[in-house]
């Protein structure tokens, strides 16, 4: 069982497609975070994962350090093997935080949309400056401490034609683990842009085959997850997404949701609340899992 702790809604970037709450600047208090970890241990029993999320979780690095120690001790007391993950934009990494992640096996994914044009089109600072240069200057240090770093890229209409150049850039910088996410809700998708996207997928497919035949070791979720699904068995209900079943998200105020994307200030998100760390989970969780 993985429990995602949304430690803060604060962020040093203003990514154009971000779904995190924009109103208010909430942070999770220590007691709420610990109860979220307790929930992961209770549901996971023999194995549990705590994932640090935001906003930007590295703004709460001291809290991450404290919570990791708590989780290790609580897991040992319960006989639960603990694992740790983090999603970060990477721009705040320094030697201290990277050594901590390495020493405590906090595996992480960094938000990197690709080459300079793709990154700076979407992942920007509050003053509009692109974040490419800041992240690129830290990339060698990041990979030195964690060669298994995952690059998470969001595909939007402005970047649909840049998938190949972006993957080639990231490959040249030493990255070998790639997770692409499509921004389904972007209002600018058109039939022509979807054709552009299809062409980019074909280019990426050729890149994938070339590297695989060359014996390179890498992971590209865009294709690997599909290949795994087709190779293992016919697709059945509930297999596509672990929505609420094997992963839960805890908002800064302690409310529990079945997916990170529902921890937002969109009005419809509240209807997907499945409990609270203080009072436990409700029947709404089972209802949503059944719907999925």
Protein backbone atom coordinates (compact mmCIF):
# COMPACT_ATOMS: atom_id res chain seq x y z
CA UNK A 1 0.00 0.00 0.00
CA UNK A 2 1.28 3.44 -0.93
CA UNK A 3 0.11 6.55 0.91
CA UNK A 4 0.99 9.86 -0.73
CA UNK A 5 1.49 12.73 1.70
CA UNK A 6 0.72 16.14 0.18
CA UNK A 7 3.04 17.97 2.56
CA UNK A 8 2.34 21.42 1.14
CA UNK A 9 0.52 23.21 -1.64
CA UNK A 10 3.36 25.74 -1.80
CA UNK A 11 5.70 25.54 -4.78
CA UNK A 12 8.61 27.55 -6.12
CA UNK A 13 7.35 27.00 -9.70
CA UNK A 14 4.10 27.87 -11.44
CA UNK A 15 3.76 25.08 -14.01
CA UNK A 16 1.04 26.02 -16.45
CA UNK A 17 -0.85 22.71 -16.28
CA UNK A 18 -0.56 22.10 -12.53
CA UNK A 19 -3.72 20.72 -10.86
CA UNK A 20 -2.57 21.40 -7.27
CA UNK A 21 -4.62 23.91 -5.28
CA UNK A 22 -3.88 27.51 -6.25
CA UNK A 23 -5.95 29.13 -3.51
CA UNK A 24 -4.29 29.31 -0.11
CA UNK A 25 -0.93 28.00 1.01
CA UNK A 26 -1.66 24.90 3.09
CA UNK A 27 0.95 22.76 4.81
CA UNK A 28 0.47 19.43 6.56
CA UNK A 29 1.18 19.45 10.27
CA UNK A 30 3.35 16.78 11.83
CA UNK A 31 0.53 14.95 13.61
CA UNK A 32 -1.50 14.60 10.40
CA UNK A 33 1.53 13.34 8.47
CA UNK A 34 2.28 10.72 11.12
CA UNK A 35 -1.32 9.50 11.02
CA UNK A 36 -0.96 9.19 7.25
CA UNK A 37 2.09 6.99 7.78
CA UNK A 38 0.17 4.96 10.37
CA UNK A 39 -2.56 4.45 7.78
CA UNK A 40 -0.02 3.14 5.26
CA UNK A 41 1.32 0.65 7.83
CA UNK A 42 -2.16 -0.43 8.87
CA UNK A 43 -3.29 -1.10 5.31
CA UNK A 44 0.03 -2.41 4.04
CA UNK A 45 0.66 -4.80 6.91
CA UNK A 46 3.86 -6.48 5.68
CA UNK A 47 4.93 -3.75 3.22
CA UNK A 48 4.06 -0.07 2.90
CA UNK A 49 5.25 2.90 0.90
CA UNK A 50 5.22 6.56 1.90
CA UNK A 51 5.47 9.05 -0.96
CA UNK A 52 6.25 12.74 -0.43
CA UNK A 53 4.30 15.09 -2.68
CA UNK A 54 3.34 18.73 -3.03
CA UNK A 55 3.26 21.43 -4.23
CA UNK A 56 7.01 21.06 -3.94
CA UNK A 57 7.92 18.65 -1.13
CA UNK A 58 11.55 19.81 -0.90
CA UNK A 59 10.23 23.03 0.61
CA UNK A 60 9.49 20.75 3.57
CA UNK A 61 12.81 18.89 3.62
CA UNK A 62 13.17 19.06 7.41
CA UNK A 63 9.71 17.55 7.75
CA UNK A 64 10.61 14.80 5.27
CA UNK A 65 13.66 13.92 7.37
CA UNK A 66 11.61 13.73 10.55
CA UNK A 67 8.81 11.71 8.96
CA UNK A 68 11.19 9.21 7.39
CA UNK A 69 12.71 8.47 10.79
CA UNK A 70 9.24 8.08 12.27
CA UNK A 71 8.13 5.76 9.48
CA UNK A 72 11.19 3.52 9.85
CA UNK A 73 10.64 3.17 13.60
CA UNK A 74 6.88 2.64 13.27
CA UNK A 75 7.42 0.10 10.50
CA UNK A 76 9.93 -1.85 12.55
CA UNK A 77 7.55 -1.93 15.52
CA UNK A 78 4.74 -3.27 13.30
CA UNK A 79 6.89 -5.67 11.28
CA UNK A 80 6.23 -3.66 8.11
CA UNK A 81 8.90 -3.15 5.46
CA UNK A 82 8.92 0.56 4.61
CA UNK A 83 9.66 2.10 1.22
CA UNK A 84 9.90 5.78 0.30
CA UNK A 85 9.19 7.80 -2.85
CA UNK A 86 9.06 11.48 -3.75
CA UNK A 87 7.81 13.58 -6.66
CA UNK A 88 9.74 16.83 -7.05
CA UNK A 89 10.57 19.45 -9.65
CA UNK A 90 14.20 18.94 -8.65
CA UNK A 91 15.23 22.59 -8.69
CA UNK A 92 15.77 22.72 -4.91
CA UNK A 93 18.04 19.69 -4.65
CA UNK A 94 21.41 20.16 -3.00
CA UNK A 95 24.09 17.76 -1.73
CA UNK A 96 22.44 17.42 1.68
CA UNK A 97 18.99 16.49 0.41
CA UNK A 98 20.41 14.17 -2.26
CA UNK A 99 22.60 12.35 0.26
CA UNK A 100 19.56 11.97 2.51
CA UNK A 101 17.53 10.43 -0.31
CA UNK A 102 20.39 8.09 -1.18
CA UNK A 103 21.08 7.01 2.40
CA UNK A 104 17.39 6.47 3.23
CA UNK A 105 16.48 4.98 -0.15
CA UNK A 106 13.98 7.68 -1.00
CA UNK A 107 13.53 7.08 -4.71
CA UNK A 108 12.28 10.08 -6.63
CA UNK A 109 10.94 11.34 -9.93
CA UNK A 110 11.80 14.80 -11.22
CA UNK A 111 9.53 16.93 -13.36
CA UNK A 112 11.33 17.36 -16.67
CA UNK A 113 9.38 17.84 -19.87
CA UNK A 114 12.43 17.46 -22.11
CA UNK A 115 14.61 19.89 -24.00
CA UNK A 116 14.81 23.61 -23.29
CA UNK A 117 11.83 24.57 -25.47
CA UNK A 118 9.57 21.92 -23.96
CA UNK A 119 10.58 22.59 -20.36
CA UNK A 120 10.48 26.37 -20.52
CA UNK A 121 7.14 26.38 -22.33
CA UNK A 122 5.42 24.89 -19.29
CA UNK A 123 7.51 24.66 -16.14
CA UNK A 124 8.22 28.25 -15.13
CA UNK A 125 9.02 30.32 -12.06
CA UNK A 126 6.48 32.84 -10.72
CA UNK A 127 8.14 35.62 -12.75
CA UNK A 128 7.73 33.60 -15.98
CA UNK A 129 11.35 32.47 -16.30
CA UNK A 130 11.84 28.93 -17.53
CA UNK A 131 13.26 26.34 -15.14
CA UNK A 132 15.40 24.45 -17.67
CA UNK A 133 18.76 26.02 -16.77
CA UNK A 134 18.32 25.61 -13.01
CA UNK A 135 17.37 21.95 -13.25
CA UNK A 136 19.94 21.14 -15.93
CA UNK A 137 22.71 22.60 -13.74
CA UNK A 138 21.79 20.08 -11.02
CA UNK A 139 21.19 17.04 -13.22
CA UNK A 140 24.70 15.56 -13.03
CA UNK A 141 24.62 15.84 -9.23
CA UNK A 142 21.14 14.28 -9.13
CA UNK A 143 22.14 11.32 -11.28
CA UNK A 144 25.36 10.79 -9.33
CA UNK A 145 23.31 10.21 -6.19
CA UNK A 146 20.41 8.45 -7.89
CA UNK A 147 21.12 6.96 -11.34
CA UNK A 148 17.58 5.53 -11.31
CA UNK A 149 16.00 8.98 -11.33
CA UNK A 150 12.71 9.02 -13.25
CA UNK A 151 11.97 11.95 -15.55
CA UNK A 152 8.24 12.70 -15.51
CA UNK A 153 7.12 14.56 -18.63
CA UNK A 154 3.70 16.05 -19.28
CA UNK A 155 2.59 16.12 -22.92
CA UNK A 156 0.51 19.15 -23.90
CA UNK A 157 -0.48 20.64 -27.28
CA UNK A 158 2.54 23.00 -27.38
CA UNK A 159 4.97 20.13 -26.82
CA UNK A 160 3.29 17.34 -28.80
CA UNK A 161 5.74 17.71 -31.68
CA UNK A 162 8.81 17.78 -29.42
CA UNK A 163 8.64 14.31 -27.89
CA UNK A 164 11.52 12.83 -29.88
CA UNK A 165 13.85 15.81 -29.47
CA UNK A 166 13.01 15.88 -25.78
CA UNK A 167 13.70 12.19 -25.18
CA UNK A 168 16.93 12.47 -27.16
CA UNK A 169 18.01 15.39 -24.98
CA UNK A 170 17.18 13.60 -21.74
CA UNK A 171 18.97 10.46 -22.96
CA UNK A 172 22.07 12.51 -23.78
CA UNK A 173 22.04 13.87 -20.23
CA UNK A 174 22.16 10.36 -18.78
CA UNK A 175 18.52 9.72 -17.90
CA UNK A 176 17.20 6.22 -18.61
CA UNK A 177 13.80 6.15 -16.86
CA UNK A 178 10.93 8.05 -18.44
CA UNK A 179 7.28 8.49 -17.43
CA UNK A 180 5.06 10.40 -19.84
CA UNK A 181 1.70 11.81 -18.81
CA UNK A 182 -0.80 13.26 -21.27
CA UNK A 183 -2.63 16.43 -20.25
CA UNK A 184 -6.08 15.17 -21.24
CA UNK A 185 -7.86 18.26 -19.96
CA UNK A 186 -5.95 20.85 -21.98
CA UNK A 187 -8.52 22.88 -24.00
CA UNK A 188 -6.30 23.30 -27.08
CA UNK A 189 -6.27 19.70 -28.33
CA UNK A 190 -7.58 19.49 -31.90
CA UNK A 191 -7.81 16.62 -34.41
CA UNK A 192 -4.73 18.01 -36.19
CA UNK A 193 -2.73 18.15 -32.97
CA UNK A 194 -3.75 14.60 -32.14
CA UNK A 195 -2.34 13.57 -35.52
CA UNK A 196 0.85 15.38 -34.59
CA UNK A 197 0.89 13.48 -31.31
CA UNK A 198 0.38 10.18 -33.14
CA UNK A 199 3.37 10.98 -35.35
CA UNK A 200 5.47 11.75 -32.27
CA UNK A 201 4.44 8.42 -30.73
CA UNK A 202 5.61 6.63 -33.87
CA UNK A 203 8.95 8.44 -33.66
CA UNK A 204 9.30 7.47 -30.02
CA UNK A 205 8.41 3.89 -30.93
CA UNK A 206 11.27 3.78 -33.42
CA UNK A 207 13.61 5.23 -30.77
CA UNK A 208 12.42 2.58 -28.30
CA UNK A 209 13.06 -0.27 -30.73
CA UNK A 210 16.50 1.09 -31.68
CA UNK A 211 17.67 1.34 -28.06
CA UNK A 212 16.16 -2.01 -27.09
CA UNK A 213 17.86 -3.81 -29.99
CA UNK A 214 21.14 -2.16 -29.01
CA UNK A 215 20.86 -3.80 -25.60
CA UNK A 216 20.35 -0.58 -23.67
CA UNK A 217 18.69 -0.85 -20.27
CA UNK A 218 15.92 1.72 -19.87
CA UNK A 219 12.25 2.17 -19.01
CA UNK A 220 9.67 4.19 -20.90
CA UNK A 221 6.22 3.97 -19.33
CA UNK A 222 4.49 5.12 -22.50
CA UNK A 223 5.29 1.75 -24.09
CA UNK A 224 6.48 -0.55 -21.30
CA UNK A 225 3.22 -0.40 -19.36
CA UNK A 226 1.24 -1.21 -22.51
CA UNK A 227 3.56 -4.07 -23.43
CA UNK A 228 3.30 -5.49 -19.92
CA UNK A 229 -0.50 -5.37 -20.03
CA UNK A 230 -0.69 -7.10 -23.41
CA UNK A 231 1.93 -9.71 -22.55
CA UNK A 232 0.58 -10.75 -19.17
CA UNK A 233 -3.14 -11.35 -19.76
CA UNK A 234 -6.27 -9.89 -21.31
CA UNK A 235 -7.13 -6.56 -19.72
CA UNK A 236 -9.75 -6.83 -16.96
CA UNK A 237 -11.65 -4.23 -14.98
CA UNK A 238 -9.60 -2.57 -12.30
CA UNK A 239 -6.20 -3.44 -13.78
CA UNK A 240 -5.48 -0.15 -15.51
CA UNK A 241 -5.35 2.10 -12.43
CA UNK A 242 -4.75 1.43 -8.72
CA UNK A 243 -7.30 4.17 -7.97
CA UNK A 244 -7.97 3.95 -4.24
CA UNK A 245 -7.06 0.28 -3.98
CA UNK A 246 -3.27 0.19 -3.66
CA UNK A 247 -2.63 3.93 -3.38
CA UNK A 248 -4.22 6.75 -1.39
CA UNK A 249 -3.47 10.46 -1.17
CA UNK A 250 -3.63 12.50 2.03
CA UNK A 251 -4.36 16.22 1.65
CA UNK A 252 -2.66 18.74 3.96
CA UNK A 253 -5.82 18.89 6.10
CA UNK A 254 -5.90 15.09 6.55
CA UNK A 255 -8.65 14.23 4.09
CA UNK A 256 -7.97 11.07 2.10
CA UNK A 257 -8.48 10.76 -1.67
CA UNK A 258 -8.03 7.85 -4.10
CA UNK A 259 -5.63 9.73 -6.40
CA UNK A 260 -3.24 12.69 -6.27
CA UNK A 261 -5.24 14.60 -8.87
CA UNK A 262 -8.24 14.95 -6.54
CA UNK A 263 -6.23 16.91 -3.97
CA UNK A 264 -7.14 20.16 -5.67
CA UNK A 265 -9.44 23.15 -5.32
CA UNK A 266 -11.73 22.08 -8.14
CA UNK A 267 -15.31 21.95 -6.81
CA UNK A 268 -15.93 18.40 -8.01
CA UNK A 269 -12.86 17.03 -6.21
CA UNK A 270 -14.53 17.06 -2.78
CA UNK A 271 -16.94 14.34 -3.92
CA UNK A 272 -14.03 11.92 -4.17
CA UNK A 273 -12.99 12.16 -0.52
CA UNK A 274 -12.82 8.64 0.96
CA UNK A 275 -12.07 9.44 4.59
CA UNK A 276 -9.80 11.27 7.00
CA UNK A 277 -6.65 10.17 8.80
CA UNK A 278 -8.35 10.94 12.13
CA UNK A 279 -11.55 8.96 11.54
CA UNK A 280 -10.48 6.36 8.98
CA UNK A 281 -11.80 5.39 5.57
CA UNK A 282 -15.43 5.43 4.50
CA UNK A 283 -17.54 3.24 2.24
CA UNK A 284 -16.95 5.81 -0.50
CA UNK A 285 -13.55 4.19 -1.11
CA UNK A 286 -15.10 0.82 -1.98
CA UNK A 287 -17.74 2.50 -4.13
CA UNK A 288 -15.10 4.31 -6.21
CA UNK A 289 -12.95 1.20 -6.55
CA UNK A 290 -15.99 -0.69 -7.84
CA UNK A 291 -16.77 2.09 -10.32
CA UNK A 292 -13.19 2.01 -11.57
